[in-house]
């Protein structure tokens, strides 16, 4: 019997009910997705997730999530291991990428795929390093507190200054998802940073971790980890942010994984120096 080829693949939009399949594959790859990412991801763009099926069985996945009119982010690019090397991934890619239209597309690419991404028009912006290890012992510093609904507008504005696009629908879910712990720091009435800790398949995940200064980020990091000392945590740090790398190393975390942030074109100016921890490799 001839093995099924790309001509047998049917790529359609995925729904939130399909998310356990996609996240399960991501977990099997060792990417450690969050346990409750789905609702926030789909809130950002419910039409941005795709599954390829053969005879109704899922065999491939990808997300191309639109963030406004100028920017999209590609992630969750996966093919079932037993069906790799047959063109299913490329077919899924081409079908889903049309969802981005003329937007600049970003992604965080694993090392093995970076050459393929370059051939598809993506250019390197910077490397991102995942640091993992037991959370250090400590306590919540003064000036940091849990985020409340009253902080949402300030967080959305702050996040927008640190990101290539605004994402209010995503943040409304991300700050309050099951098991998510969000903290904020203010200088008077001015927000100077925020961070989120969430449960993952293999460890707790920190992201985003955005802050004005090294002092702000140290306080936020300490607050996020104060109640989970000794438990495994992971944070994806942009390599150009040397203060972020130093923070992870001083906390006793070790580099375990790397990706490359890549774009197909220009993105709006944003405060990259405030990004001490990437929100998520799937949505940027």
Protein backbone atom coordinates (compact mmCIF):
# COMPACT_ATOMS: atom_id res chain seq x y z
CA UNK A 1 0.00 0.00 0.00
CA UNK A 2 1.29 3.47 -0.89
CA UNK A 3 1.89 5.60 2.24
CA UNK A 4 -0.35 8.66 2.48
CA UNK A 5 1.24 11.74 0.95
CA UNK A 6 0.56 15.48 1.05
CA UNK A 7 -2.24 15.04 -1.48
CA UNK A 8 -4.12 13.03 1.16
CA UNK A 9 -3.77 15.70 3.84
CA UNK A 10 -6.74 17.92 4.68
CA UNK A 11 -5.77 21.08 6.60
CA UNK A 12 -8.55 22.89 8.45
CA UNK A 13 -8.84 25.35 11.31
CA UNK A 14 -8.53 23.77 14.73
CA UNK A 15 -10.80 24.56 17.64
CA UNK A 16 -10.13 24.85 21.34
CA UNK A 17 -11.36 21.25 21.64
CA UNK A 18 -8.37 20.21 19.49
CA UNK A 19 -5.84 21.96 21.73
CA UNK A 20 -5.03 18.88 23.85
CA UNK A 21 -3.79 17.12 20.70
CA UNK A 22 -1.51 20.02 19.76
CA UNK A 23 -0.22 20.64 23.27
CA UNK A 24 0.30 16.90 23.79
CA UNK A 25 2.55 16.74 20.76
CA UNK A 26 4.43 19.83 21.98
CA UNK A 27 4.93 18.21 25.38
CA UNK A 28 6.27 15.06 23.72
CA UNK A 29 8.86 17.23 21.94
CA UNK A 30 10.06 18.51 25.32
CA UNK A 31 8.77 22.04 24.74
CA UNK A 32 6.96 22.07 28.11
CA UNK A 33 3.78 23.93 27.12
CA UNK A 34 1.62 25.39 29.86
CA UNK A 35 -1.16 23.21 31.18
CA UNK A 36 -3.85 25.83 30.61
CA UNK A 37 -2.58 27.84 27.62
CA UNK A 38 -5.42 27.04 25.24
CA UNK A 39 -8.10 29.56 26.28
CA UNK A 40 -5.68 32.52 26.23
CA UNK A 41 -4.16 31.45 22.92
CA UNK A 42 -7.53 31.11 21.21
CA UNK A 43 -8.76 34.37 22.74
CA UNK A 44 -6.06 36.19 20.75
CA UNK A 45 -7.12 34.70 17.39
CA UNK A 46 -9.63 31.83 17.38
CA UNK A 47 -9.05 31.31 13.64
CA UNK A 48 -5.27 31.03 13.92
CA UNK A 49 -4.84 27.34 14.73
CA UNK A 50 -4.72 24.53 12.18
CA UNK A 51 -4.64 20.74 12.06
CA UNK A 52 -3.77 18.51 9.12
CA UNK A 53 -5.69 15.26 9.02
CA UNK A 54 -5.53 12.07 6.98
CA UNK A 55 -8.75 10.06 7.00
CA UNK A 56 -9.86 12.23 9.91
CA UNK A 57 -6.80 11.48 12.06
CA UNK A 58 -4.63 14.45 13.14
CA UNK A 59 -1.10 14.23 11.76
CA UNK A 60 0.18 17.84 11.69
CA UNK A 61 -0.39 21.18 13.40
CA UNK A 62 0.57 24.83 13.21
CA UNK A 63 -0.60 28.18 14.54
CA UNK A 64 -0.49 31.48 12.70
CA UNK A 65 -1.98 33.90 15.20
CA UNK A 66 -2.78 37.40 14.03
CA UNK A 67 -1.91 40.24 16.42
CA UNK A 68 -3.60 43.22 14.83
CA UNK A 69 -3.34 44.34 11.22
CA UNK A 70 0.46 44.32 10.83
CA UNK A 71 1.84 41.36 12.77
CA UNK A 72 1.31 37.63 13.15
CA UNK A 73 3.17 34.93 15.04
CA UNK A 74 3.78 31.36 13.92
CA UNK A 75 4.13 28.49 16.36
CA UNK A 76 3.06 24.95 17.24
CA UNK A 77 4.62 23.66 14.01
CA UNK A 78 4.45 19.92 14.50
CA UNK A 79 4.13 16.68 12.56
CA UNK A 80 3.40 13.35 14.18
CA UNK A 81 6.76 11.53 14.42
CA UNK A 82 5.68 8.44 12.49
CA UNK A 83 4.62 10.54 9.49
CA UNK A 84 7.52 12.96 9.18
CA UNK A 85 9.54 13.40 6.00
CA UNK A 86 6.54 13.03 3.69
CA UNK A 87 5.67 16.65 3.00
CA UNK A 88 2.82 16.95 5.48
CA UNK A 89 4.53 19.74 7.42
CA UNK A 90 5.20 21.88 4.37
CA UNK A 91 1.63 21.46 3.13
CA UNK A 92 0.30 22.47 6.53
CA UNK A 93 2.70 25.44 6.64
CA UNK A 94 1.69 26.79 3.25
CA UNK A 95 -2.02 26.41 3.94
CA UNK A 96 -1.92 28.11 7.35
CA UNK A 97 0.50 30.90 6.47
CA UNK A 98 -2.10 32.42 4.16
CA UNK A 99 -4.02 33.36 7.31
CA UNK A 100 -1.37 36.02 8.03
CA UNK A 101 -2.07 37.84 4.77
CA UNK A 102 0.46 40.65 4.28
CA UNK A 103 1.45 40.85 7.94
CA UNK A 104 5.03 40.52 9.10
CA UNK A 105 5.31 37.06 10.69
CA UNK A 106 7.47 36.22 13.68
CA UNK A 107 8.45 32.89 15.16
CA UNK A 108 10.75 31.32 17.74
CA UNK A 109 12.48 28.58 15.77
CA UNK A 110 14.20 25.50 17.15
CA UNK A 111 17.75 24.97 15.95
CA UNK A 112 16.88 22.07 13.64
CA UNK A 113 14.41 24.18 11.64
CA UNK A 114 16.21 27.51 11.42
CA UNK A 115 17.74 26.90 7.98
CA UNK A 116 14.30 25.96 6.64
CA UNK A 117 12.84 29.14 8.09
CA UNK A 118 15.56 31.23 6.42
CA UNK A 119 14.65 29.66 3.10
CA UNK A 120 11.05 30.74 3.73
CA UNK A 121 12.08 34.38 4.18
CA UNK A 122 12.60 34.59 7.95
CA UNK A 123 15.63 36.51 9.21
CA UNK A 124 17.33 36.20 12.59
CA UNK A 125 16.63 38.91 15.15
CA UNK A 126 18.23 37.32 18.23
CA UNK A 127 18.64 34.05 20.11
CA UNK A 128 16.50 33.10 23.08
CA UNK A 129 17.89 30.83 25.81
CA UNK A 130 15.70 28.71 28.07
CA UNK A 131 17.01 28.53 31.61
CA UNK A 132 15.70 25.84 33.95
CA UNK A 133 16.32 24.66 37.48
CA UNK A 134 14.94 24.66 41.02
CA UNK A 135 13.40 27.96 42.09
CA UNK A 136 15.55 29.70 44.70
CA UNK A 137 14.32 30.25 48.22
CA UNK A 138 13.16 33.75 49.02
CA UNK A 139 10.20 35.93 49.86
CA UNK A 140 8.03 38.50 48.13
CA UNK A 141 9.80 41.89 48.26
CA UNK A 142 8.02 45.03 49.33
CA UNK A 143 6.45 46.87 46.43
CA UNK A 144 5.35 43.77 44.52
CA UNK A 145 1.84 42.40 44.80
CA UNK A 146 -0.54 40.07 42.97
CA UNK A 147 -2.22 41.61 39.94
CA UNK A 148 -5.91 42.45 40.29
CA UNK A 149 -8.61 43.26 37.69
CA UNK A 150 -7.90 46.92 38.40
CA UNK A 151 -4.38 46.49 37.00
CA UNK A 152 -5.50 45.13 33.63
CA UNK A 153 -5.52 48.42 31.74
CA UNK A 154 -2.04 49.35 33.00
CA UNK A 155 -0.69 45.88 32.17
CA UNK A 156 -2.16 46.02 28.65
CA UNK A 157 -0.52 49.39 28.05
CA UNK A 158 2.81 48.27 29.49
CA UNK A 159 2.76 45.00 27.55
CA UNK A 160 2.01 46.88 24.34
CA UNK A 161 5.11 48.99 24.82
CA UNK A 162 7.20 45.81 25.13
CA UNK A 163 5.67 43.84 22.24
CA UNK A 164 5.37 44.15 18.45
CA UNK A 165 1.56 44.32 18.79
CA UNK A 166 -1.17 44.91 21.36
CA UNK A 167 -2.87 41.81 22.78
CA UNK A 168 -5.60 42.78 25.25
CA UNK A 169 -7.81 39.71 24.70
CA UNK A 170 -4.87 37.40 25.32
CA UNK A 171 -3.78 39.20 28.48
CA UNK A 172 -7.26 39.22 30.00
CA UNK A 173 -7.08 35.41 29.96
CA UNK A 174 -3.35 35.04 30.65
CA UNK A 175 -3.35 36.95 33.91
CA UNK A 176 -6.21 34.94 35.36
CA UNK A 177 -5.85 31.45 33.87
CA UNK A 178 -6.10 28.40 36.15
CA UNK A 179 -2.90 28.10 38.14
CA UNK A 180 -1.48 31.35 36.72
CA UNK A 181 0.11 33.76 39.20
CA UNK A 182 0.53 37.35 37.98
CA UNK A 183 2.41 40.01 39.91
CA UNK A 184 2.96 43.73 39.36
CA UNK A 185 5.33 46.42 40.63
CA UNK A 186 4.60 50.14 40.75
CA UNK A 187 6.57 53.28 41.40
CA UNK A 188 3.80 55.47 42.76
CA UNK A 189 1.04 55.22 40.18
CA UNK A 190 3.36 54.08 37.38
CA UNK A 191 3.64 50.40 36.55
CA UNK A 192 7.31 49.41 36.29
CA UNK A 193 6.90 45.77 35.42
CA UNK A 194 4.85 42.61 35.61
CA UNK A 195 5.32 38.87 35.38
CA UNK A 196 3.37 35.63 35.22
CA UNK A 197 4.13 32.14 36.53
CA UNK A 198 2.09 29.21 35.23
CA UNK A 199 2.12 25.41 35.49
CA UNK A 200 3.70 23.49 32.60
CA UNK A 201 3.95 19.83 31.67
CA UNK A 202 7.50 19.46 32.97
CA UNK A 203 8.09 22.55 35.10
CA UNK A 204 6.63 25.88 36.08
CA UNK A 205 6.96 28.49 33.35
CA UNK A 206 7.77 32.18 33.87
CA UNK A 207 6.57 34.48 31.11
CA UNK A 208 6.22 37.23 30.44
CA UNK A 209 8.75 38.92 32.69
CA UNK A 210 8.79 42.56 31.61
CA UNK A 211 10.34 45.34 33.69
CA UNK A 212 11.90 48.79 33.52
CA UNK A 213 15.11 48.00 35.40
CA UNK A 214 17.20 45.17 36.82
CA UNK A 215 15.93 46.06 40.30
CA UNK A 216 12.33 45.82 39.13
CA UNK A 217 12.87 42.45 37.48
CA UNK A 218 14.70 40.98 40.47
CA UNK A 219 11.80 41.95 42.71
CA UNK A 220 9.25 40.49 40.31
CA UNK A 221 11.23 37.27 39.88
CA UNK A 222 11.56 36.88 43.65
CA UNK A 223 7.83 37.38 44.08
CA UNK A 224 6.95 34.82 41.41
CA UNK A 225 9.21 32.15 42.89
CA UNK A 226 8.73 32.89 46.61
CA UNK A 227 6.04 30.25 47.08
CA UNK A 228 7.59 27.58 44.84
CA UNK A 229 11.14 27.30 46.19
CA UNK A 230 12.77 24.06 45.11
CA UNK A 231 10.30 23.37 42.31
CA UNK A 232 11.56 23.27 38.73
CA UNK A 233 11.03 26.54 36.85
CA UNK A 234 11.83 27.61 33.29
CA UNK A 235 12.20 31.02 31.67
CA UNK A 236 13.04 31.95 28.06
CA UNK A 237 15.45 34.89 28.09
CA UNK A 238 16.40 36.92 24.99
CA UNK A 239 20.17 36.55 24.79
CA UNK A 240 20.79 40.27 24.12
CA UNK A 241 19.26 41.10 27.50
CA UNK A 242 22.42 40.51 29.52
CA UNK A 243 20.72 41.52 32.78
CA UNK A 244 18.09 38.84 32.14
CA UNK A 245 20.75 36.22 31.49
CA UNK A 246 22.58 37.27 34.66
CA UNK A 247 19.37 37.06 36.69
CA UNK A 248 18.75 33.49 35.55
CA UNK A 249 22.31 32.43 36.22
CA UNK A 250 22.39 34.08 39.65
CA UNK A 251 19.19 32.21 40.51
CA UNK A 252 21.05 28.96 39.81
CA UNK A 253 19.21 28.18 36.56
CA UNK A 254 21.06 26.52 33.68
CA UNK A 255 20.74 26.94 29.93
CA UNK A 256 18.83 23.94 28.57
CA UNK A 257 17.31 24.88 25.21
CA UNK A 258 17.58 27.60 22.60
CA UNK A 259 15.48 29.09 19.85
CA UNK A 260 15.87 31.96 17.40
CA UNK A 261 13.44 34.87 17.14
CA UNK A 262 13.00 35.43 13.42
CA UNK A 263 10.85 37.80 11.36
CA UNK A 264 9.81 38.04 7.73
CA UNK A 265 9.94 41.85 7.80
CA UNK A 266 9.91 44.91 10.04
CA UNK A 267 7.97 45.05 13.30
CA UNK A 268 6.94 48.13 15.22
CA UNK A 269 9.40 49.66 17.63
CA UNK A 270 9.08 48.31 21.16
CA UNK A 271 11.11 48.26 24.36
CA UNK A 272 13.12 45.08 23.84
CA UNK A 273 15.35 46.02 26.77
CA UNK A 274 12.38 45.50 29.10
CA UNK A 275 11.87 41.89 27.95
CA UNK A 276 13.65 39.76 30.53
CA UNK A 277 11.47 36.72 29.84
CA UNK A 278 9.50 35.89 26.69
CA UNK A 279 5.77 35.39 27.21
CA UNK A 280 5.54 32.13 25.27
CA UNK A 281 7.39 30.60 22.33
CA UNK A 282 4.05 29.75 20.70
CA UNK A 283 2.60 33.28 20.53
CA UNK A 284 5.68 35.46 21.06
